[in-house]
Amino acid sequence: MKGKILVIEDEVKLCEVMTLYLEKENYQVTCVSDGKKAEDMINTETFDLIILDVMLPNKDGWALLRRIKSLGSTPVIMTTARGEEDDRIFGLELGADDYMVKPLSMRELVLRVNLRMNSKLKTNKGLTFSNLTIVEDKREVIENSEAVILTPKEFDLLVFLCKNLGQVFNREQLLNLVWGYDYAGDSRTVDTHVKKLREKIKFCEDYLSTVWGVGYKMDWKNN
């Protein structure tokens, strides 16, 4: 199994569908539909990721999110039928790691779960590829023993792609996942940042690939 996931969702059919898709990805999934029962599970069991609905009987998702974050750093993906900006911001301020508005795309949900799980498995000490080292907690990039100066978003994009080697992302996905849900710019921003990474870092020039008609991927393999 790739990890344990707790799905807290009061729509039984939706819970069943999410379980089906996530189990196909080799995750161990537990579903619960009641807020109080979910709290009992959070207090007594350990999960690698939690998918949390906002509207629940007996205890709402906001209260559960506060409890989850008080206990540790388990990633939480919030789901809700309410897509207002204030709700999204409130959830993120409380510590949610991601936010999805219903109706859910199961393919997007699986993608977001995989991304969060992959990131959880990486250490913050450093990522090393060939002659490139990324020290994430210090926001440093070193190639061939020399420091590389990046803008904040160039650094974020580099880290994201290096944590998801071999995966193809279109421009809209990168804008959403790196720049943020509410980013108002257009997809040319991604192209500009990719171009800058290739200019500044030889590793990116060699391995940051364009998938024509789709988007980009970091295609490095440790042979």
N, C-alpha and C. Protein backbone atom coordinates (compact mmCIF):
# COMPACT_ATOMS: atom_id res chain seq x y z
N MET A 1 0.83 -1.20 0.00
CA MET A 1 0.00 0.00 0.00
C MET A 1 0.88 1.26 0.00
N LYS A 2 0.41 2.29 -0.73
CA LYS A 2 1.16 3.53 -0.84
C LYS A 2 0.93 4.45 0.35
N GLY A 3 -0.13 4.21 1.12
CA GLY A 3 -0.40 5.06 2.27
C GLY A 3 -1.84 4.93 2.71
N LYS A 4 -2.13 5.43 3.92
CA LYS A 4 -3.46 5.38 4.50
C LYS A 4 -4.16 6.72 4.33
N ILE A 5 -5.36 6.69 3.79
CA ILE A 5 -6.13 7.90 3.55
C ILE A 5 -7.46 7.80 4.29
N LEU A 6 -7.83 8.86 4.99
CA LEU A 6 -9.13 8.96 5.63
C LEU A 6 -9.99 9.92 4.81
N VAL A 7 -11.14 9.45 4.35
CA VAL A 7 -12.09 10.27 3.62
C VAL A 7 -13.25 10.59 4.56
N ILE A 8 -13.47 11.87 4.84
CA ILE A 8 -14.55 12.31 5.71
C ILE A 8 -15.58 13.01 4.82
N GLU A 9 -16.67 12.32 4.52
CA GLU A 9 -17.63 12.78 3.51
C GLU A 9 -18.99 12.19 3.83
N ASP A 10 -20.03 13.05 3.92
CA ASP A 10 -21.36 12.55 4.29
C ASP A 10 -22.20 12.10 3.10
N GLU A 11 -21.73 12.33 1.87
CA GLU A 11 -22.42 11.80 0.70
C GLU A 11 -21.91 10.39 0.43
N VAL A 12 -22.74 9.40 0.73
CA VAL A 12 -22.30 8.00 0.68
C VAL A 12 -21.82 7.61 -0.70
N LYS A 13 -22.57 7.96 -1.73
CA LYS A 13 -22.19 7.58 -3.10
C LYS A 13 -20.84 8.19 -3.48
N LEU A 14 -20.66 9.46 -3.14
CA LEU A 14 -19.40 10.13 -3.46
C LEU A 14 -18.25 9.46 -2.71
N CYS A 15 -18.48 9.11 -1.48
CA CYS A 15 -17.45 8.43 -0.69
C CYS A 15 -17.07 7.10 -1.34
N GLU A 16 -18.06 6.37 -1.83
CA GLU A 16 -17.79 5.09 -2.48
C GLU A 16 -16.97 5.27 -3.76
N VAL A 17 -17.29 6.31 -4.52
CA VAL A 17 -16.56 6.55 -5.76
C VAL A 17 -15.11 6.96 -5.46
N MET A 18 -14.93 7.84 -4.49
CA MET A 18 -13.57 8.25 -4.12
C MET A 18 -12.76 7.05 -3.65
N THR A 19 -13.38 6.21 -2.85
CA THR A 19 -12.69 5.01 -2.37
C THR A 19 -12.26 4.12 -3.53
N LEU A 20 -13.15 3.92 -4.49
CA LEU A 20 -12.85 3.09 -5.65
C LEU A 20 -11.63 3.62 -6.41
N TYR A 21 -11.63 4.90 -6.70
CA TYR A 21 -10.53 5.49 -7.46
C TYR A 21 -9.21 5.46 -6.69
N LEU A 22 -9.25 5.74 -5.40
CA LEU A 22 -8.03 5.77 -4.60
C LEU A 22 -7.48 4.37 -4.35
N GLU A 23 -8.37 3.41 -4.18
CA GLU A 23 -7.90 2.03 -4.00
C GLU A 23 -7.24 1.51 -5.27
N LYS A 24 -7.71 1.98 -6.43
CA LYS A 24 -7.05 1.60 -7.69
C LYS A 24 -5.63 2.12 -7.75
N GLU A 25 -5.36 3.20 -7.00
CA GLU A 25 -4.00 3.76 -6.92
C GLU A 25 -3.19 3.10 -5.81
N ASN A 26 -3.76 2.07 -5.22
CA ASN A 26 -3.07 1.28 -4.19
C ASN A 26 -2.97 2.00 -2.84
N TYR A 27 -3.97 2.85 -2.54
CA TYR A 27 -4.06 3.45 -1.22
C TYR A 27 -5.03 2.64 -0.35
N GLN A 28 -4.78 2.62 0.95
CA GLN A 28 -5.71 2.05 1.91
C GLN A 28 -6.66 3.15 2.35
N VAL A 29 -7.95 2.99 2.10
CA VAL A 29 -8.91 4.08 2.30
C VAL A 29 -9.93 3.71 3.38
N THR A 30 -10.16 4.63 4.29
CA THR A 30 -11.22 4.51 5.28
C THR A 30 -12.18 5.67 5.09
N CYS A 31 -13.48 5.38 5.06
CA CYS A 31 -14.49 6.42 4.89
C CYS A 31 -15.32 6.56 6.16
N VAL A 32 -15.65 7.80 6.50
CA VAL A 32 -16.54 8.06 7.63
C VAL A 32 -17.40 9.26 7.27
N SER A 33 -18.69 9.22 7.67
CA SER A 33 -19.63 10.26 7.23
C SER A 33 -20.08 11.19 8.34
N ASP A 34 -19.69 10.92 9.57
CA ASP A 34 -20.14 11.69 10.73
C ASP A 34 -18.96 12.43 11.33
N GLY A 35 -19.14 13.74 11.59
CA GLY A 35 -18.05 14.55 12.09
C GLY A 35 -17.50 14.08 13.42
N LYS A 36 -18.38 13.66 14.33
CA LYS A 36 -17.92 13.22 15.65
C LYS A 36 -17.15 11.90 15.55
N LYS A 37 -17.66 10.97 14.74
CA LYS A 37 -16.94 9.71 14.54
C LYS A 37 -15.59 9.96 13.88
N ALA A 38 -15.55 10.93 12.95
CA ALA A 38 -14.29 11.27 12.31
C ALA A 38 -13.29 11.79 13.33
N GLU A 39 -13.75 12.62 14.25
CA GLU A 39 -12.87 13.16 15.28
C GLU A 39 -12.29 12.04 16.14
N ASP A 40 -13.12 11.05 16.49
CA ASP A 40 -12.63 9.92 17.28
C ASP A 40 -11.53 9.18 16.53
N MET A 41 -11.68 9.00 15.21
CA MET A 41 -10.67 8.31 14.43
C MET A 41 -9.39 9.14 14.35
N ILE A 42 -9.54 10.45 14.17
CA ILE A 42 -8.37 11.33 14.10
C ILE A 42 -7.57 11.28 15.40
N ASN A 43 -8.28 11.18 16.51
CA ASN A 43 -7.62 11.16 17.82
C ASN A 43 -6.92 9.84 18.13
N THR A 44 -7.35 8.77 17.48
CA THR A 44 -6.83 7.44 17.86
C THR A 44 -6.02 6.73 16.78
N GLU A 45 -6.11 7.21 15.53
CA GLU A 45 -5.40 6.55 14.44
C GLU A 45 -4.53 7.53 13.68
N THR A 46 -3.57 6.99 12.93
CA THR A 46 -2.66 7.81 12.13
C THR A 46 -2.95 7.61 10.65
N PHE A 47 -3.05 8.71 9.92
CA PHE A 47 -3.28 8.65 8.48
C PHE A 47 -2.22 9.48 7.76
N ASP A 48 -1.96 9.09 6.50
CA ASP A 48 -0.97 9.81 5.71
C ASP A 48 -1.57 11.03 5.01
N LEU A 49 -2.89 11.02 4.82
CA LEU A 49 -3.58 12.14 4.17
C LEU A 49 -5.06 12.05 4.52
N ILE A 50 -5.71 13.20 4.63
CA ILE A 50 -7.14 13.25 4.96
C ILE A 50 -7.86 14.11 3.91
N ILE A 51 -8.95 13.58 3.37
CA ILE A 51 -9.83 14.33 2.48
C ILE A 51 -11.05 14.71 3.31
N LEU A 52 -11.30 15.99 3.44
CA LEU A 52 -12.25 16.47 4.45
C LEU A 52 -13.32 17.37 3.84
N ASP A 53 -14.58 16.96 3.97
CA ASP A 53 -15.71 17.79 3.55
C ASP A 53 -15.97 18.85 4.62
N VAL A 54 -16.49 19.99 4.20
CA VAL A 54 -16.78 21.07 5.14
C VAL A 54 -18.09 20.82 5.88
N MET A 55 -19.15 20.47 5.14
CA MET A 55 -20.47 20.31 5.74
C MET A 55 -20.68 18.88 6.19
N LEU A 56 -20.68 18.66 7.51
CA LEU A 56 -20.81 17.32 8.09
C LEU A 56 -21.79 17.36 9.26
N PRO A 57 -22.47 16.24 9.54
CA PRO A 57 -23.31 16.18 10.73
C PRO A 57 -22.48 16.06 12.00
N ASN A 58 -22.95 16.69 13.06
CA ASN A 58 -22.40 16.59 14.42
C ASN A 58 -21.12 17.39 14.66
N LYS A 59 -20.27 17.53 13.66
CA LYS A 59 -19.09 18.39 13.80
C LYS A 59 -18.64 18.80 12.42
N ASP A 60 -18.48 20.11 12.18
CA ASP A 60 -18.19 20.54 10.82
C ASP A 60 -16.71 20.40 10.49
N GLY A 61 -16.43 20.55 9.19
CA GLY A 61 -15.07 20.35 8.71
C GLY A 61 -14.07 21.35 9.24
N TRP A 62 -14.51 22.60 9.51
CA TRP A 62 -13.59 23.59 10.05
C TRP A 62 -13.06 23.15 11.42
N ALA A 63 -13.94 22.68 12.27
CA ALA A 63 -13.52 22.22 13.60
C ALA A 63 -12.59 21.02 13.49
N LEU A 64 -12.91 20.11 12.58
CA LEU A 64 -12.05 18.94 12.39
C LEU A 64 -10.68 19.34 11.86
N LEU A 65 -10.65 20.31 10.95
CA LEU A 65 -9.37 20.78 10.41
C LEU A 65 -8.49 21.34 11.52
N ARG A 66 -9.10 22.14 12.40
CA ARG A 66 -8.32 22.68 13.53
C ARG A 66 -7.74 21.54 14.37
N ARG A 67 -8.56 20.50 14.61
CA ARG A 67 -8.09 19.39 15.43
C ARG A 67 -6.97 18.62 14.74
N ILE A 68 -7.12 18.39 13.45
CA ILE A 68 -6.09 17.65 12.70
C ILE A 68 -4.76 18.39 12.78
N LYS A 69 -4.79 19.69 12.54
CA LYS A 69 -3.56 20.48 12.52
C LYS A 69 -2.96 20.66 13.91
N SER A 70 -3.79 20.55 14.95
CA SER A 70 -3.26 20.63 16.31
C SER A 70 -2.48 19.37 16.69
N LEU A 71 -2.75 18.28 15.96
CA LEU A 71 -2.11 17.00 16.28
C LEU A 71 -0.84 16.74 15.47
N GLY A 72 -0.64 17.47 14.39
CA GLY A 72 0.54 17.22 13.57
C GLY A 72 0.43 17.88 12.21
N SER A 73 1.15 17.31 11.24
CA SER A 73 1.24 17.93 9.91
C SER A 73 0.62 17.07 8.81
N THR A 74 -0.37 16.25 9.16
CA THR A 74 -1.03 15.42 8.15
C THR A 74 -1.64 16.31 7.06
N PRO A 75 -1.32 16.05 5.78
CA PRO A 75 -1.91 16.87 4.70
C PRO A 75 -3.43 16.71 4.66
N VAL A 76 -4.13 17.82 4.40
CA VAL A 76 -5.59 17.83 4.33
C VAL A 76 -6.03 18.47 3.03
N ILE A 77 -6.86 17.75 2.28
CA ILE A 77 -7.51 18.30 1.09
C ILE A 77 -8.96 18.56 1.46
N MET A 78 -9.38 19.82 1.46
CA MET A 78 -10.76 20.17 1.78
C MET A 78 -11.63 20.02 0.53
N THR A 79 -12.86 19.55 0.72
CA THR A 79 -13.84 19.50 -0.37
C THR A 79 -15.13 20.15 0.10
N THR A 80 -15.78 20.90 -0.79
CA THR A 80 -17.03 21.55 -0.42
C THR A 80 -17.80 21.95 -1.66
N ALA A 81 -19.11 22.06 -1.50
CA ALA A 81 -19.95 22.56 -2.59
C ALA A 81 -19.92 24.07 -2.66
N ARG A 82 -19.34 24.71 -1.67
CA ARG A 82 -19.27 26.17 -1.62
C ARG A 82 -17.91 26.62 -2.13
N GLY A 83 -17.92 27.35 -3.25
CA GLY A 83 -16.66 27.75 -3.86
C GLY A 83 -16.30 29.21 -3.66
N GLU A 84 -16.95 29.87 -2.70
CA GLU A 84 -16.69 31.29 -2.50
C GLU A 84 -15.23 31.51 -2.07
N GLU A 85 -14.69 32.63 -2.50
CA GLU A 85 -13.29 32.94 -2.20
C GLU A 85 -13.04 32.99 -0.70
N ASP A 86 -13.97 33.57 0.06
CA ASP A 86 -13.79 33.67 1.50
C ASP A 86 -13.66 32.30 2.15
N ASP A 87 -14.44 31.33 1.69
CA ASP A 87 -14.35 29.98 2.24
C ASP A 87 -13.00 29.35 1.93
N ARG A 88 -12.53 29.52 0.69
CA ARG A 88 -11.24 28.94 0.32
C ARG A 88 -10.11 29.54 1.16
N ILE A 89 -10.15 30.86 1.28
CA ILE A 89 -9.10 31.53 2.04
C ILE A 89 -9.16 31.12 3.51
N PHE A 90 -10.37 31.02 4.06
CA PHE A 90 -10.53 30.62 5.45
C PHE A 90 -9.94 29.23 5.68
N GLY A 91 -10.25 28.29 4.77
CA GLY A 91 -9.71 26.94 4.91
C GLY A 91 -8.20 26.91 4.83
N LEU A 92 -7.63 27.65 3.90
CA LEU A 92 -6.18 27.68 3.76
C LEU A 92 -5.52 28.33 4.96
N GLU A 93 -6.16 29.37 5.51
CA GLU A 93 -5.62 30.03 6.70
C GLU A 93 -5.64 29.10 7.91
N LEU A 94 -6.62 28.20 7.96
CA LEU A 94 -6.69 27.24 9.06
C LEU A 94 -5.67 26.11 8.92
N GLY A 95 -5.06 26.02 7.74
CA GLY A 95 -4.02 25.00 7.57
C GLY A 95 -4.29 23.97 6.51
N ALA A 96 -5.40 24.09 5.76
CA ALA A 96 -5.67 23.14 4.68
C ALA A 96 -4.54 23.21 3.65
N ASP A 97 -4.16 22.07 3.12
CA ASP A 97 -3.08 22.02 2.14
C ASP A 97 -3.60 22.18 0.72
N ASP A 98 -4.87 21.89 0.51
CA ASP A 98 -5.46 22.02 -0.81
C ASP A 98 -6.96 22.17 -0.65
N TYR A 99 -7.64 22.58 -1.73
CA TYR A 99 -9.07 22.89 -1.64
C TYR A 99 -9.71 22.56 -2.98
N MET A 100 -10.75 21.72 -2.98
CA MET A 100 -11.46 21.35 -4.20
C MET A 100 -12.94 21.63 -4.04
N VAL A 101 -13.53 22.18 -5.10
CA VAL A 101 -14.95 22.53 -5.09
C VAL A 101 -15.75 21.46 -5.83
N LYS A 102 -16.85 21.02 -5.24
CA LYS A 102 -17.73 20.03 -5.87
C LYS A 102 -18.52 20.67 -6.99
N PRO A 103 -18.90 19.89 -8.01
CA PRO A 103 -18.67 18.46 -8.17
C PRO A 103 -17.20 18.15 -8.47
N LEU A 104 -16.71 17.07 -7.88
CA LEU A 104 -15.30 16.73 -7.97
C LEU A 104 -14.99 15.95 -9.25
N SER A 105 -13.85 16.24 -9.82
CA SER A 105 -13.28 15.39 -10.87
C SER A 105 -12.43 14.34 -10.19
N MET A 106 -12.74 13.06 -10.39
CA MET A 106 -11.97 12.01 -9.74
C MET A 106 -10.53 11.96 -10.23
N ARG A 107 -10.33 12.26 -11.50
CA ARG A 107 -8.96 12.27 -12.04
C ARG A 107 -8.15 13.38 -11.38
N GLU A 108 -8.77 14.54 -11.19
CA GLU A 108 -8.06 15.64 -10.54
C GLU A 108 -7.81 15.32 -9.07
N LEU A 109 -8.78 14.70 -8.43
CA LEU A 109 -8.61 14.33 -7.02
C LEU A 109 -7.43 13.38 -6.86
N VAL A 110 -7.37 12.35 -7.71
CA VAL A 110 -6.26 11.40 -7.64
C VAL A 110 -4.93 12.11 -7.88
N LEU A 111 -4.90 13.02 -8.86
CA LEU A 111 -3.67 13.78 -9.13
C LEU A 111 -3.25 14.56 -7.89
N ARG A 112 -4.19 15.27 -7.28
CA ARG A 112 -3.84 16.08 -6.11
C ARG A 112 -3.39 15.21 -4.94
N VAL A 113 -4.04 14.07 -4.75
CA VAL A 113 -3.62 13.14 -3.68
C VAL A 113 -2.21 12.65 -3.94
N ASN A 114 -1.93 12.23 -5.17
CA ASN A 114 -0.59 11.73 -5.50
C ASN A 114 0.47 12.81 -5.28
N LEU A 115 0.16 14.04 -5.67
CA LEU A 115 1.11 15.13 -5.49
C LEU A 115 1.40 15.36 -4.01
N ARG A 116 0.35 15.37 -3.19
CA ARG A 116 0.56 15.60 -1.76
C ARG A 116 1.32 14.44 -1.12
N MET A 117 1.01 13.22 -1.53
CA MET A 117 1.70 12.07 -0.97
C MET A 117 3.16 12.04 -1.40
N ASN A 118 3.43 12.39 -2.66
CA ASN A 118 4.81 12.43 -3.13
C ASN A 118 5.61 13.48 -2.38
N SER A 119 5.00 14.65 -2.18
CA SER A 119 5.69 15.71 -1.46
C SER A 119 5.95 15.31 -0.01
N LYS A 120 5.03 14.59 0.59
CA LYS A 120 5.18 14.15 1.98
C LYS A 120 6.36 13.21 2.15
N LEU A 121 6.63 12.44 1.10
CA LEU A 121 7.73 11.47 1.18
C LEU A 121 9.09 12.12 1.02
N LYS A 122 9.14 13.34 0.46
CA LYS A 122 10.41 14.02 0.28
C LYS A 122 10.83 14.69 1.58
N THR A 123 12.12 14.71 1.84
CA THR A 123 12.61 15.44 3.01
C THR A 123 12.85 16.89 2.61
N ASN A 124 12.88 17.75 3.60
CA ASN A 124 13.16 19.15 3.37
C ASN A 124 14.66 19.45 3.45
N LYS A 125 15.46 18.42 3.64
CA LYS A 125 16.90 18.62 3.76
C LYS A 125 17.52 18.97 2.42
N GLY A 126 17.12 18.31 1.37
CA GLY A 126 17.70 18.61 0.07
C GLY A 126 17.28 17.60 -0.98
N LEU A 127 17.21 18.07 -2.20
CA LEU A 127 16.94 17.22 -3.35
C LEU A 127 18.18 17.28 -4.23
N THR A 128 18.68 16.12 -4.62
CA THR A 128 19.91 16.07 -5.41
C THR A 128 19.67 15.30 -6.69
N PHE A 129 20.04 15.92 -7.81
CA PHE A 129 19.91 15.31 -9.12
C PHE A 129 21.17 15.64 -9.91
N SER A 130 21.95 14.61 -10.25
CA SER A 130 23.17 14.84 -11.01
C SER A 130 24.03 15.88 -10.28
N ASN A 131 24.36 17.01 -10.92
CA ASN A 131 25.18 18.05 -10.29
C ASN A 131 24.34 19.17 -9.68
N LEU A 132 23.04 18.93 -9.55
CA LEU A 132 22.13 19.95 -9.02
C LEU A 132 21.64 19.56 -7.63
N THR A 133 21.72 20.50 -6.69
CA THR A 133 21.20 20.29 -5.33
C THR A 133 20.26 21.43 -4.98
N ILE A 134 19.08 21.05 -4.46
CA ILE A 134 18.09 22.04 -4.02
C ILE A 134 17.92 21.88 -2.52
N VAL A 135 18.22 22.92 -1.77
CA VAL A 135 18.03 22.91 -0.32
C VAL A 135 16.73 23.67 -0.06
N GLU A 136 15.64 22.92 0.10
CA GLU A 136 14.32 23.54 0.09
C GLU A 136 14.08 24.46 1.26
N ASP A 137 14.47 24.04 2.47
CA ASP A 137 14.16 24.88 3.63
C ASP A 137 14.95 26.18 3.64
N LYS A 138 16.09 26.22 2.93
CA LYS A 138 16.87 27.45 2.81
C LYS A 138 16.64 28.16 1.49
N ARG A 139 15.83 27.53 0.62
CA ARG A 139 15.53 28.07 -0.70
C ARG A 139 16.81 28.38 -1.47
N GLU A 140 17.71 27.39 -1.48
CA GLU A 140 18.98 27.52 -2.17
C GLU A 140 19.06 26.50 -3.30
N VAL A 141 19.69 26.91 -4.40
CA VAL A 141 19.94 26.02 -5.52
C VAL A 141 21.43 26.08 -5.85
N ILE A 142 22.05 24.92 -5.95
CA ILE A 142 23.49 24.84 -6.21
C ILE A 142 23.70 23.90 -7.38
N GLU A 143 24.41 24.37 -8.39
CA GLU A 143 24.74 23.52 -9.54
C GLU A 143 26.24 23.61 -9.78
N ASN A 144 26.88 22.43 -9.84
CA ASN A 144 28.33 22.37 -10.04
C ASN A 144 29.06 23.25 -9.02
N SER A 145 28.59 23.18 -7.78
CA SER A 145 29.20 23.88 -6.63
C SER A 145 29.01 25.39 -6.67
N GLU A 146 28.18 25.90 -7.58
CA GLU A 146 27.93 27.33 -7.65
C GLU A 146 26.46 27.63 -7.37
N ALA A 147 26.20 28.70 -6.61
CA ALA A 147 24.83 29.09 -6.28
C ALA A 147 24.12 29.63 -7.51
N VAL A 148 22.86 29.28 -7.66
CA VAL A 148 22.02 29.77 -8.75
C VAL A 148 20.97 30.69 -8.14
N ILE A 149 20.86 31.90 -8.65
CA ILE A 149 19.90 32.87 -8.12
C ILE A 149 18.59 32.76 -8.90
N LEU A 150 17.52 32.44 -8.19
CA LEU A 150 16.20 32.30 -8.79
C LEU A 150 15.21 33.25 -8.12
N THR A 151 14.19 33.65 -8.86
CA THR A 151 13.08 34.37 -8.25
C THR A 151 12.27 33.38 -7.40
N PRO A 152 11.43 33.88 -6.49
CA PRO A 152 10.64 32.95 -5.66
C PRO A 152 9.81 31.96 -6.47
N LYS A 153 9.15 32.41 -7.52
CA LYS A 153 8.30 31.50 -8.29
C LYS A 153 9.13 30.57 -9.18
N GLU A 154 10.28 31.01 -9.66
CA GLU A 154 11.18 30.10 -10.38
C GLU A 154 11.60 28.97 -9.45
N PHE A 155 11.92 29.31 -8.21
CA PHE A 155 12.31 28.29 -7.24
C PHE A 155 11.15 27.33 -6.97
N ASP A 156 9.95 27.87 -6.75
CA ASP A 156 8.79 27.02 -6.46
C ASP A 156 8.48 26.07 -7.62
N LEU A 157 8.58 26.58 -8.84
CA LEU A 157 8.32 25.74 -10.00
C LEU A 157 9.36 24.65 -10.13
N LEU A 158 10.62 24.99 -9.91
CA LEU A 158 11.70 23.99 -9.97
C LEU A 158 11.47 22.88 -8.94
N VAL A 159 11.17 23.26 -7.71
CA VAL A 159 10.95 22.26 -6.65
C VAL A 159 9.77 21.36 -6.99
N PHE A 160 8.68 21.98 -7.45
CA PHE A 160 7.48 21.21 -7.77
C PHE A 160 7.78 20.16 -8.84
N LEU A 161 8.44 20.56 -9.91
CA LEU A 161 8.73 19.61 -11.00
C LEU A 161 9.71 18.54 -10.56
N CYS A 162 10.68 18.91 -9.72
CA CYS A 162 11.67 17.92 -9.26
C CYS A 162 11.06 16.94 -8.27
N LYS A 163 10.00 17.32 -7.60
CA LYS A 163 9.32 16.40 -6.69
C LYS A 163 8.33 15.50 -7.43
N ASN A 164 8.10 15.80 -8.69
CA ASN A 164 7.13 15.03 -9.48
C ASN A 164 7.75 14.61 -10.82
N LEU A 165 8.91 13.99 -10.71
CA LEU A 165 9.67 13.60 -11.90
C LEU A 165 8.84 12.70 -12.82
N GLY A 166 8.91 12.96 -14.11
CA GLY A 166 8.26 12.12 -15.11
C GLY A 166 6.79 12.41 -15.32
N GLN A 167 6.18 13.25 -14.48
CA GLN A 167 4.76 13.57 -14.62
C GLN A 167 4.59 14.80 -15.52
N VAL A 168 3.64 14.72 -16.42
CA VAL A 168 3.37 15.81 -17.35
C VAL A 168 2.28 16.71 -16.76
N PHE A 169 2.52 18.03 -16.78
CA PHE A 169 1.54 18.99 -16.28
C PHE A 169 1.26 20.03 -17.37
N ASN A 170 -0.02 20.31 -17.60
CA ASN A 170 -0.32 21.38 -18.53
C ASN A 170 -0.17 22.73 -17.83
N ARG A 171 -0.25 23.80 -18.58
CA ARG A 171 0.01 25.13 -18.02
C ARG A 171 -1.01 25.50 -16.94
N GLU A 172 -2.28 25.14 -17.17
CA GLU A 172 -3.31 25.47 -16.19
C GLU A 172 -3.07 24.75 -14.87
N GLN A 173 -2.64 23.49 -14.94
CA GLN A 173 -2.34 22.76 -13.72
C GLN A 173 -1.18 23.40 -12.96
N LEU A 174 -0.15 23.80 -13.68
CA LEU A 174 0.99 24.43 -13.03
C LEU A 174 0.61 25.77 -12.41
N LEU A 175 -0.22 26.55 -13.11
CA LEU A 175 -0.69 27.80 -12.52
C LEU A 175 -1.45 27.56 -11.24
N ASN A 176 -2.30 26.54 -11.24
CA ASN A 176 -3.12 26.22 -10.07
C ASN A 176 -2.26 25.72 -8.91
N LEU A 177 -1.35 24.78 -9.21
CA LEU A 177 -0.63 24.07 -8.16
C LEU A 177 0.62 24.81 -7.67
N VAL A 178 1.21 25.67 -8.49
CA VAL A 178 2.41 26.40 -8.09
C VAL A 178 2.10 27.85 -7.75
N TRP A 179 1.33 28.52 -8.62
CA TRP A 179 1.01 29.93 -8.38
C TRP A 179 -0.16 30.09 -7.42
N GLY A 180 -1.10 29.14 -7.45
CA GLY A 180 -2.23 29.21 -6.52
C GLY A 180 -3.55 29.32 -7.22
N TYR A 181 -4.60 28.89 -6.53
CA TYR A 181 -5.95 28.79 -7.08
C TYR A 181 -6.45 30.12 -7.63
N ASP A 182 -6.10 31.22 -6.97
CA ASP A 182 -6.67 32.52 -7.33
C ASP A 182 -5.76 33.36 -8.22
N TYR A 183 -4.69 32.76 -8.77
CA TYR A 183 -3.77 33.53 -9.59
C TYR A 183 -4.49 34.06 -10.83
N ALA A 184 -4.29 35.35 -11.11
CA ALA A 184 -5.06 36.00 -12.18
C ALA A 184 -4.31 36.08 -13.51
N GLY A 185 -3.06 35.61 -13.55
CA GLY A 185 -2.28 35.69 -14.77
C GLY A 185 -2.69 34.65 -15.79
N ASP A 186 -1.99 34.66 -16.95
CA ASP A 186 -2.32 33.68 -17.99
C ASP A 186 -1.20 32.66 -18.14
N SER A 187 -1.43 31.69 -19.03
CA SER A 187 -0.53 30.54 -19.14
C SER A 187 0.85 30.91 -19.67
N ARG A 188 1.00 32.09 -20.29
CA ARG A 188 2.31 32.49 -20.78
C ARG A 188 3.30 32.70 -19.63
N THR A 189 2.78 32.96 -18.43
CA THR A 189 3.63 33.07 -17.25
C THR A 189 4.44 31.79 -17.05
N VAL A 190 3.80 30.64 -17.23
CA VAL A 190 4.50 29.36 -17.09
C VAL A 190 5.62 29.25 -18.11
N ASP A 191 5.32 29.58 -19.38
CA ASP A 191 6.33 29.50 -20.43
C ASP A 191 7.54 30.38 -20.10
N THR A 192 7.28 31.58 -19.60
CA THR A 192 8.36 32.50 -19.25
C THR A 192 9.25 31.92 -18.16
N HIS A 193 8.63 31.34 -17.13
CA HIS A 193 9.41 30.78 -16.02
C HIS A 193 10.19 29.54 -16.45
N VAL A 194 9.60 28.72 -17.30
CA VAL A 194 10.33 27.56 -17.83
C VAL A 194 11.55 28.02 -18.62
N LYS A 195 11.37 29.04 -19.45
CA LYS A 195 12.48 29.58 -20.24
C LYS A 195 13.60 30.08 -19.33
N LYS A 196 13.24 30.78 -18.25
CA LYS A 196 14.25 31.30 -17.33
C LYS A 196 14.99 30.17 -16.62
N LEU A 197 14.27 29.12 -16.22
CA LEU A 197 14.94 27.98 -15.58
C LEU A 197 15.94 27.32 -16.52
N ARG A 198 15.56 27.19 -17.76
CA ARG A 198 16.48 26.59 -18.75
C ARG A 198 17.70 27.47 -18.98
N GLU A 199 17.52 28.78 -18.92
CA GLU A 199 18.64 29.70 -19.12
C GLU A 199 19.60 29.68 -17.93
N LYS A 200 19.06 29.54 -16.73
CA LYS A 200 19.87 29.67 -15.53
C LYS A 200 20.48 28.35 -15.07
N ILE A 201 19.84 27.22 -15.42
CA ILE A 201 20.25 25.92 -14.86
C ILE A 201 20.47 24.93 -16.00
N LYS A 202 21.68 24.42 -16.11
CA LYS A 202 22.00 23.46 -17.17
C LYS A 202 21.16 22.19 -17.04
N PHE A 203 20.89 21.76 -15.80
CA PHE A 203 20.07 20.59 -15.56
C PHE A 203 18.69 20.76 -16.20
N CYS A 204 18.11 21.95 -16.06
CA CYS A 204 16.79 22.22 -16.65
C CYS A 204 16.87 22.29 -18.17
N GLU A 205 17.95 22.84 -18.67
CA GLU A 205 18.14 22.87 -20.13
C GLU A 205 18.13 21.46 -20.70
N ASP A 206 18.71 20.52 -19.95
CA ASP A 206 18.81 19.13 -20.42
C ASP A 206 17.56 18.31 -20.15
N TYR A 207 16.89 18.55 -19.01
CA TYR A 207 15.87 17.60 -18.56
C TYR A 207 14.46 18.17 -18.38
N LEU A 208 14.31 19.49 -18.44
CA LEU A 208 12.97 20.08 -18.37
C LEU A 208 12.38 20.05 -19.77
N SER A 209 11.53 19.06 -20.02
CA SER A 209 11.07 18.76 -21.37
C SER A 209 9.73 19.42 -21.68
N THR A 210 9.57 19.82 -22.93
CA THR A 210 8.29 20.27 -23.44
C THR A 210 7.56 19.08 -24.06
N VAL A 211 6.34 18.83 -23.60
CA VAL A 211 5.49 17.80 -24.20
C VAL A 211 4.53 18.54 -25.12
N TRP A 212 4.81 18.50 -26.40
CA TRP A 212 4.11 19.36 -27.35
C TRP A 212 2.60 19.12 -27.33
N GLY A 213 1.87 20.21 -27.26
CA GLY A 213 0.42 20.14 -27.22
C GLY A 213 -0.15 19.87 -25.84
N VAL A 214 0.73 19.65 -24.85
CA VAL A 214 0.26 19.34 -23.49
C VAL A 214 0.86 20.32 -22.48
N GLY A 215 2.16 20.21 -22.22
CA GLY A 215 2.77 21.06 -21.20
C GLY A 215 4.22 20.72 -20.99
N TYR A 216 4.59 20.50 -19.71
CA TYR A 216 5.99 20.29 -19.36
C TYR A 216 6.15 19.14 -18.37
N LYS A 217 7.36 18.58 -18.33
CA LYS A 217 7.73 17.61 -17.31
C LYS A 217 9.23 17.64 -17.09
N MET A 218 9.64 17.29 -15.87
CA MET A 218 11.05 17.10 -15.55
C MET A 218 11.35 15.62 -15.75
N ASP A 219 12.16 15.33 -16.77
CA ASP A 219 12.29 13.95 -17.24
C ASP A 219 13.66 13.38 -16.97
N TRP A 220 14.13 13.49 -15.73
CA TRP A 220 15.44 12.99 -15.36
C TRP A 220 15.34 11.59 -14.77
N LYS A 221 16.25 10.71 -15.20
CA LYS A 221 16.30 9.36 -14.64
C LYS A 221 17.70 9.11 -14.13
N ASN A 222 17.79 8.54 -12.94
CA ASN A 222 19.09 8.25 -12.34
C ASN A 222 19.58 6.90 -12.83
N ASN A 223 20.36 6.90 -13.88
CA ASN A 223 20.84 5.66 -14.48
C ASN A 223 22.14 5.21 -13.82
